[in-house]
Amino acid sequence: MNQKLLRVGTTYLPVRDPKRSAIWYSEKLGAEINFQDEAKVIINLANQSFFLVKSSEKETSNFKDQQGNTRFCLTFEVDGLASLYSLQKELKQLGVQTGDIENRGHSGENFTFTDPDGNIFDVWSELSPTFKQMQNLLQTEV
C-alpha cells in the first residue's frame, strides 16, 4: 500500500484563553501567531499549524493509558542530545514546567513539558529519517 498521508498539517489544542496561550507559545517556544478571534488562535510551531481552541477549564489533550498513567499526544523532535539538554535548560529558565530527561529504552532521550493549560508534550532527541532527508534536500537546493 502506498503511503497516502504525507504529514500532520494541523493539531488542535484545548486552552482556556487562546490569546493568553498564544502569547505563552510565542514567548516560550518561538511560535508565530497567524490568526486570532474570540474562539481560537492559529500559531505556527515546529513546521505545522496549531489551533489553540477555547475550551472548558479541565479539557486537555492528555489521556490515560491502561495503567492509569497520564500520557501526552504529541512528541516534538530536536537534532541530537546536545539540543535536547539545551532546550530543557532554556525552558526551565523561562519557567516552563519540565520533566526529567529520560532514557525510555529506544534510541535517543526524551523529556516532557507542560503548557499553562495542562497540555503535556514530549521532546525527543532524534530527528526522524524522513525529516533529515527533507532537510538535506532543501539545503542542497539552496
N, C-alpha and C. Protein backbone atom coordinates (compact mmCIF):
# COMPACT_ATOMS: atom_id res chain seq x y z
N MET A 1 0.85 -1.19 0.00
CA MET A 1 0.00 0.00 0.00
C MET A 1 0.88 1.24 0.00
N ASN A 2 0.58 2.18 -0.87
CA ASN A 2 1.30 3.45 -0.89
C ASN A 2 0.91 4.29 0.30
N GLN A 3 1.88 5.03 0.79
CA GLN A 3 1.58 5.92 1.91
C GLN A 3 0.74 7.08 1.39
N LYS A 4 -0.45 7.24 1.91
CA LYS A 4 -1.36 8.28 1.44
C LYS A 4 -1.32 9.54 2.30
N LEU A 5 -1.05 9.38 3.58
CA LEU A 5 -0.96 10.53 4.47
C LEU A 5 0.48 11.00 4.48
N LEU A 6 0.72 12.25 4.12
CA LEU A 6 2.08 12.74 3.95
C LEU A 6 2.64 13.46 5.15
N ARG A 7 1.82 14.13 5.93
CA ARG A 7 2.31 14.84 7.10
C ARG A 7 1.13 15.27 7.96
N VAL A 8 1.43 15.66 9.17
CA VAL A 8 0.41 16.27 10.03
C VAL A 8 0.43 17.76 9.73
N GLY A 9 -0.69 18.31 9.34
CA GLY A 9 -0.75 19.72 9.00
C GLY A 9 -1.20 20.59 10.15
N THR A 10 -2.17 20.11 10.93
CA THR A 10 -2.74 20.92 11.99
C THR A 10 -3.01 20.05 13.22
N THR A 11 -2.72 20.61 14.37
CA THR A 11 -3.05 19.99 15.65
C THR A 11 -3.94 20.97 16.41
N TYR A 12 -5.01 20.47 17.00
CA TYR A 12 -5.93 21.28 17.78
C TYR A 12 -5.66 21.05 19.26
N LEU A 13 -5.47 22.14 20.00
CA LEU A 13 -5.19 22.06 21.43
C LEU A 13 -6.26 22.81 22.22
N PRO A 14 -6.82 22.17 23.24
CA PRO A 14 -7.78 22.87 24.09
C PRO A 14 -7.05 23.81 25.05
N VAL A 15 -7.53 25.04 25.13
CA VAL A 15 -6.96 26.03 26.05
C VAL A 15 -8.10 26.86 26.64
N ARG A 16 -7.87 27.44 27.79
CA ARG A 16 -8.90 28.27 28.44
C ARG A 16 -8.99 29.67 27.82
N ASP A 17 -7.84 30.24 27.48
CA ASP A 17 -7.78 31.60 26.94
C ASP A 17 -6.82 31.60 25.75
N PRO A 18 -7.36 31.49 24.52
CA PRO A 18 -6.50 31.36 23.35
C PRO A 18 -5.46 32.48 23.20
N LYS A 19 -5.83 33.71 23.47
CA LYS A 19 -4.87 34.81 23.30
C LYS A 19 -3.73 34.71 24.31
N ARG A 20 -4.05 34.40 25.56
CA ARG A 20 -3.02 34.24 26.59
C ARG A 20 -2.12 33.06 26.24
N SER A 21 -2.71 31.97 25.79
CA SER A 21 -1.92 30.79 25.42
C SER A 21 -1.02 31.08 24.22
N ALA A 22 -1.52 31.83 23.25
CA ALA A 22 -0.71 32.17 22.07
C ALA A 22 0.52 32.97 22.48
N ILE A 23 0.35 33.87 23.41
CA ILE A 23 1.50 34.65 23.90
C ILE A 23 2.50 33.72 24.57
N TRP A 24 2.02 32.78 25.38
CA TRP A 24 2.92 31.82 26.05
C TRP A 24 3.70 31.01 25.01
N TYR A 25 3.00 30.46 24.01
CA TYR A 25 3.66 29.66 22.97
C TYR A 25 4.67 30.50 22.18
N SER A 26 4.33 31.74 21.96
CA SER A 26 5.24 32.64 21.25
C SER A 26 6.48 32.95 22.08
N GLU A 27 6.29 33.33 23.34
CA GLU A 27 7.41 33.72 24.19
C GLU A 27 8.28 32.53 24.62
N LYS A 28 7.68 31.41 24.92
CA LYS A 28 8.43 30.26 25.44
C LYS A 28 8.98 29.35 24.35
N LEU A 29 8.23 29.19 23.24
CA LEU A 29 8.61 28.23 22.22
C LEU A 29 8.90 28.84 20.86
N GLY A 30 8.75 30.15 20.74
CA GLY A 30 9.05 30.81 19.47
C GLY A 30 7.98 30.65 18.40
N ALA A 31 6.75 30.34 18.79
CA ALA A 31 5.66 30.17 17.83
C ALA A 31 5.33 31.51 17.17
N GLU A 32 4.87 31.43 15.93
CA GLU A 32 4.43 32.61 15.18
C GLU A 32 2.91 32.64 15.19
N ILE A 33 2.33 33.76 15.61
CA ILE A 33 0.88 33.90 15.66
C ILE A 33 0.39 34.35 14.28
N ASN A 34 -0.56 33.57 13.70
CA ASN A 34 -1.05 33.85 12.34
C ASN A 34 -2.46 34.39 12.27
N PHE A 35 -3.30 34.03 13.23
CA PHE A 35 -4.71 34.44 13.18
C PHE A 35 -5.27 34.35 14.58
N GLN A 36 -6.18 35.28 14.90
CA GLN A 36 -6.88 35.15 16.18
C GLN A 36 -8.27 35.73 16.10
N ASP A 37 -9.19 35.06 16.79
CA ASP A 37 -10.52 35.59 17.05
C ASP A 37 -10.89 35.16 18.47
N GLU A 38 -12.12 35.32 18.87
CA GLU A 38 -12.50 35.03 20.25
C GLU A 38 -12.45 33.53 20.58
N ALA A 39 -12.61 32.67 19.58
CA ALA A 39 -12.70 31.23 19.82
C ALA A 39 -11.39 30.48 19.64
N LYS A 40 -10.43 31.09 18.92
CA LYS A 40 -9.20 30.35 18.63
C LYS A 40 -8.08 31.30 18.22
N VAL A 41 -6.86 30.79 18.32
CA VAL A 41 -5.68 31.45 17.77
C VAL A 41 -4.93 30.38 16.99
N ILE A 42 -4.48 30.73 15.79
CA ILE A 42 -3.69 29.80 14.99
C ILE A 42 -2.23 30.23 15.08
N ILE A 43 -1.38 29.27 15.46
CA ILE A 43 0.05 29.54 15.54
C ILE A 43 0.80 28.55 14.64
N ASN A 44 1.98 28.95 14.19
CA ASN A 44 2.90 28.04 13.51
C ASN A 44 4.01 27.69 14.49
N LEU A 45 4.27 26.40 14.61
CA LEU A 45 5.30 25.90 15.52
C LEU A 45 5.77 24.56 15.00
N ALA A 46 7.08 24.38 14.90
CA ALA A 46 7.67 23.09 14.51
C ALA A 46 7.12 22.60 13.17
N ASN A 47 7.04 23.49 12.21
CA ASN A 47 6.62 23.15 10.84
C ASN A 47 5.18 22.66 10.72
N GLN A 48 4.31 23.10 11.62
CA GLN A 48 2.89 22.82 11.46
C GLN A 48 2.05 23.89 12.14
N SER A 49 0.77 23.88 11.84
CA SER A 49 -0.17 24.81 12.46
C SER A 49 -0.79 24.17 13.70
N PHE A 50 -0.95 24.99 14.72
CA PHE A 50 -1.66 24.58 15.92
C PHE A 50 -2.83 25.54 16.11
N PHE A 51 -4.02 24.99 16.29
CA PHE A 51 -5.19 25.78 16.63
C PHE A 51 -5.35 25.71 18.14
N LEU A 52 -5.21 26.83 18.81
CA LEU A 52 -5.44 26.94 20.24
C LEU A 52 -6.91 27.30 20.40
N VAL A 53 -7.71 26.32 20.78
CA VAL A 53 -9.16 26.44 20.76
C VAL A 53 -9.70 26.63 22.17
N LYS A 54 -10.52 27.67 22.35
CA LYS A 54 -11.14 27.94 23.65
C LYS A 54 -12.02 26.77 24.05
N SER A 55 -11.74 26.19 25.23
CA SER A 55 -12.49 25.04 25.71
C SER A 55 -12.74 25.16 27.20
N SER A 56 -13.41 24.16 27.73
CA SER A 56 -13.72 24.19 29.16
C SER A 56 -12.45 24.06 29.98
N GLU A 57 -12.53 24.45 31.23
CA GLU A 57 -11.36 24.57 32.10
C GLU A 57 -10.56 23.29 32.28
N LYS A 58 -11.20 22.14 32.36
CA LYS A 58 -10.47 20.90 32.65
C LYS A 58 -10.09 20.11 31.41
N GLU A 59 -10.35 20.64 30.23
CA GLU A 59 -10.06 19.94 28.99
C GLU A 59 -8.58 20.03 28.66
N THR A 60 -7.94 18.89 28.32
CA THR A 60 -6.55 18.89 27.84
C THR A 60 -6.43 17.86 26.71
N SER A 61 -5.29 17.86 26.07
CA SER A 61 -5.03 16.88 25.00
C SER A 61 -4.47 15.58 25.57
N ASN A 62 -4.29 15.50 26.87
CA ASN A 62 -3.72 14.32 27.50
C ASN A 62 -4.74 13.19 27.58
N PHE A 63 -4.25 11.98 27.82
CA PHE A 63 -5.14 10.84 28.02
C PHE A 63 -4.50 9.87 29.00
N LYS A 64 -5.29 8.96 29.52
CA LYS A 64 -4.81 7.94 30.46
C LYS A 64 -4.58 6.64 29.69
N ASP A 65 -3.42 6.00 29.95
CA ASP A 65 -3.18 4.68 29.37
C ASP A 65 -3.86 3.62 30.24
N GLN A 66 -3.74 2.35 29.87
CA GLN A 66 -4.46 1.30 30.60
C GLN A 66 -3.96 1.10 32.01
N GLN A 67 -2.76 1.60 32.34
CA GLN A 67 -2.27 1.53 33.73
C GLN A 67 -2.67 2.77 34.53
N GLY A 68 -3.37 3.71 33.89
CA GLY A 68 -3.81 4.91 34.59
C GLY A 68 -2.81 6.06 34.56
N ASN A 69 -1.73 5.92 33.78
CA ASN A 69 -0.74 7.00 33.67
C ASN A 69 -1.21 8.05 32.67
N THR A 70 -1.03 9.32 33.02
CA THR A 70 -1.36 10.40 32.10
C THR A 70 -0.31 10.45 31.00
N ARG A 71 -0.77 10.49 29.75
CA ARG A 71 0.11 10.48 28.59
C ARG A 71 -0.08 11.73 27.74
N PHE A 72 0.95 12.07 27.01
CA PHE A 72 0.92 13.17 26.05
C PHE A 72 0.48 12.62 24.69
N CYS A 73 0.04 13.50 23.82
CA CYS A 73 -0.40 13.06 22.49
C CYS A 73 0.56 13.48 21.39
N LEU A 74 1.64 14.18 21.75
CA LEU A 74 2.49 14.76 20.70
C LEU A 74 3.94 14.79 21.16
N THR A 75 4.84 14.39 20.26
CA THR A 75 6.27 14.44 20.53
C THR A 75 6.94 15.37 19.53
N PHE A 76 7.65 16.35 20.03
CA PHE A 76 8.48 17.22 19.18
C PHE A 76 9.86 16.58 19.05
N GLU A 77 10.55 16.84 17.95
CA GLU A 77 11.90 16.32 17.75
C GLU A 77 12.90 17.47 17.74
N VAL A 78 14.08 17.20 18.30
CA VAL A 78 15.21 18.13 18.20
C VAL A 78 16.38 17.35 17.60
N ASP A 79 17.41 18.06 17.20
CA ASP A 79 18.52 17.43 16.48
C ASP A 79 19.66 17.05 17.41
N GLY A 80 19.48 15.95 18.16
CA GLY A 80 20.55 15.41 18.97
C GLY A 80 20.43 15.71 20.45
N LEU A 81 21.27 15.00 21.20
CA LEU A 81 21.25 15.11 22.67
C LEU A 81 21.62 16.50 23.16
N ALA A 82 22.61 17.13 22.53
CA ALA A 82 23.00 18.48 22.96
C ALA A 82 21.83 19.44 22.83
N SER A 83 21.08 19.33 21.74
CA SER A 83 19.90 20.19 21.55
C SER A 83 18.83 19.90 22.58
N LEU A 84 18.65 18.63 22.91
CA LEU A 84 17.66 18.24 23.91
C LEU A 84 17.99 18.85 25.27
N TYR A 85 19.24 18.67 25.71
CA TYR A 85 19.65 19.19 27.01
C TYR A 85 19.59 20.72 27.04
N SER A 86 19.97 21.35 25.94
CA SER A 86 19.93 22.81 25.85
C SER A 86 18.50 23.33 25.92
N LEU A 87 17.59 22.69 25.20
CA LEU A 87 16.20 23.12 25.21
C LEU A 87 15.58 22.95 26.59
N GLN A 88 15.84 21.81 27.23
CA GLN A 88 15.27 21.61 28.57
C GLN A 88 15.76 22.69 29.53
N LYS A 89 17.05 23.01 29.48
CA LYS A 89 17.61 24.05 30.34
C LYS A 89 16.96 25.40 30.05
N GLU A 90 16.82 25.74 28.78
CA GLU A 90 16.21 27.02 28.39
C GLU A 90 14.76 27.10 28.86
N LEU A 91 14.00 26.03 28.66
CA LEU A 91 12.60 26.04 29.10
C LEU A 91 12.49 26.20 30.61
N LYS A 92 13.36 25.52 31.35
CA LYS A 92 13.35 25.67 32.81
C LYS A 92 13.64 27.11 33.20
N GLN A 93 14.62 27.74 32.53
CA GLN A 93 14.96 29.13 32.83
C GLN A 93 13.80 30.08 32.51
N LEU A 94 12.96 29.70 31.55
CA LEU A 94 11.79 30.50 31.20
C LEU A 94 10.60 30.21 32.10
N GLY A 95 10.77 29.31 33.06
CA GLY A 95 9.70 28.99 34.00
C GLY A 95 8.71 27.96 33.51
N VAL A 96 9.07 27.22 32.45
CA VAL A 96 8.19 26.19 31.93
C VAL A 96 8.35 24.93 32.78
N GLN A 97 7.24 24.30 33.14
CA GLN A 97 7.28 23.05 33.89
C GLN A 97 7.81 21.96 32.98
N THR A 98 8.97 21.39 33.34
CA THR A 98 9.59 20.34 32.53
C THR A 98 9.85 19.10 33.37
N GLY A 99 9.82 17.95 32.71
CA GLY A 99 10.17 16.70 33.36
C GLY A 99 11.66 16.43 33.23
N ASP A 100 12.10 15.38 33.90
CA ASP A 100 13.50 14.96 33.80
C ASP A 100 13.78 14.36 32.43
N ILE A 101 15.04 14.43 32.01
CA ILE A 101 15.45 13.76 30.78
C ILE A 101 15.51 12.26 31.08
N GLU A 102 14.91 11.48 30.19
CA GLU A 102 14.77 10.04 30.41
C GLU A 102 15.33 9.25 29.24
N ASN A 103 15.80 8.04 29.55
CA ASN A 103 16.11 7.04 28.56
C ASN A 103 14.95 6.05 28.62
N ARG A 104 14.16 5.96 27.56
CA ARG A 104 12.96 5.10 27.57
C ARG A 104 13.19 3.76 26.88
N GLY A 105 14.45 3.40 26.67
CA GLY A 105 14.74 2.08 26.12
C GLY A 105 14.80 2.03 24.61
N HIS A 106 14.73 3.16 23.94
CA HIS A 106 14.90 3.22 22.49
C HIS A 106 15.98 4.25 22.21
N SER A 107 16.32 4.45 20.97
CA SER A 107 17.38 5.41 20.66
C SER A 107 16.98 6.81 21.13
N GLY A 108 17.97 7.56 21.55
CA GLY A 108 17.72 8.93 21.99
C GLY A 108 17.19 9.01 23.41
N GLU A 109 16.95 10.23 23.82
CA GLU A 109 16.39 10.51 25.14
C GLU A 109 15.24 11.50 24.99
N ASN A 110 14.43 11.62 26.03
CA ASN A 110 13.23 12.44 25.99
C ASN A 110 13.04 13.22 27.28
N PHE A 111 12.24 14.27 27.21
CA PHE A 111 11.68 14.91 28.40
C PHE A 111 10.32 15.47 28.02
N THR A 112 9.52 15.75 29.01
CA THR A 112 8.20 16.35 28.77
C THR A 112 8.18 17.78 29.30
N PHE A 113 7.27 18.57 28.75
CA PHE A 113 6.98 19.89 29.29
C PHE A 113 5.48 20.11 29.22
N THR A 114 4.99 21.04 30.03
CA THR A 114 3.56 21.28 30.16
C THR A 114 3.25 22.75 29.91
N ASP A 115 2.20 23.00 29.13
CA ASP A 115 1.77 24.38 28.90
C ASP A 115 0.90 24.85 30.07
N PRO A 116 0.53 26.12 30.13
CA PRO A 116 -0.25 26.63 31.27
C PRO A 116 -1.63 26.00 31.42
N ASP A 117 -2.15 25.36 30.36
CA ASP A 117 -3.46 24.72 30.42
C ASP A 117 -3.39 23.25 30.77
N GLY A 118 -2.19 22.74 31.05
CA GLY A 118 -2.03 21.35 31.45
C GLY A 118 -1.79 20.38 30.30
N ASN A 119 -1.67 20.88 29.07
CA ASN A 119 -1.34 20.01 27.94
C ASN A 119 0.13 19.60 28.07
N ILE A 120 0.39 18.29 28.05
CA ILE A 120 1.74 17.77 28.19
C ILE A 120 2.28 17.42 26.80
N PHE A 121 3.53 17.79 26.56
CA PHE A 121 4.21 17.47 25.30
C PHE A 121 5.52 16.78 25.59
N ASP A 122 5.94 15.95 24.66
CA ASP A 122 7.19 15.23 24.76
C ASP A 122 8.20 15.85 23.80
N VAL A 123 9.48 15.76 24.14
CA VAL A 123 10.56 16.18 23.24
C VAL A 123 11.53 15.02 23.14
N TRP A 124 11.90 14.66 21.92
CA TRP A 124 12.79 13.53 21.66
C TRP A 124 14.05 14.03 20.97
N SER A 125 15.18 13.45 21.30
CA SER A 125 16.46 13.93 20.78
C SER A 125 16.78 13.44 19.37
N GLU A 126 15.90 12.66 18.76
CA GLU A 126 16.20 12.08 17.45
C GLU A 126 15.27 12.63 16.38
N LEU A 127 15.86 13.21 15.33
CA LEU A 127 15.07 13.61 14.18
C LEU A 127 14.70 12.38 13.36
N SER A 128 13.48 12.34 12.84
CA SER A 128 13.07 11.20 12.01
C SER A 128 13.89 11.18 10.72
N PRO A 129 14.18 10.00 10.20
CA PRO A 129 14.97 9.90 8.96
C PRO A 129 14.35 10.66 7.80
N THR A 130 13.02 10.65 7.69
CA THR A 130 12.36 11.37 6.60
C THR A 130 12.59 12.87 6.72
N PHE A 131 12.49 13.40 7.93
CA PHE A 131 12.71 14.83 8.12
C PHE A 131 14.16 15.20 7.82
N LYS A 132 15.11 14.37 8.28
CA LYS A 132 16.52 14.61 7.97
C LYS A 132 16.75 14.64 6.47
N GLN A 133 16.15 13.69 5.77
CA GLN A 133 16.31 13.62 4.32
C GLN A 133 15.72 14.87 3.66
N MET A 134 14.55 15.31 4.08
CA MET A 134 13.94 16.53 3.54
C MET A 134 14.82 17.74 3.79
N GLN A 135 15.36 17.85 5.00
CA GLN A 135 16.23 18.98 5.34
C GLN A 135 17.48 18.98 4.47
N ASN A 136 18.07 17.80 4.24
CA ASN A 136 19.25 17.71 3.39
C ASN A 136 18.93 18.11 1.95
N LEU A 137 17.77 17.69 1.45
CA LEU A 137 17.36 18.07 0.10
C LEU A 137 17.18 19.58 -0.01
N LEU A 138 16.54 20.18 0.98
CA LEU A 138 16.33 21.63 0.96
C LEU A 138 17.66 22.38 1.00
N GLN A 139 18.59 21.89 1.79
CA GLN A 139 19.88 22.57 1.90
C GLN A 139 20.69 22.46 0.62
N THR A 140 20.59 21.35 -0.09
CA THR A 140 21.34 21.19 -1.35
C THR A 140 20.72 21.99 -2.48
N GLU A 141 19.42 22.30 -2.39
CA GLU A 141 18.74 23.08 -3.43
C GLU A 141 19.09 24.56 -3.33
N VAL A 142 19.48 25.04 -2.17
CA VAL A 142 19.75 26.46 -1.96
C VAL A 142 21.04 26.89 -2.56
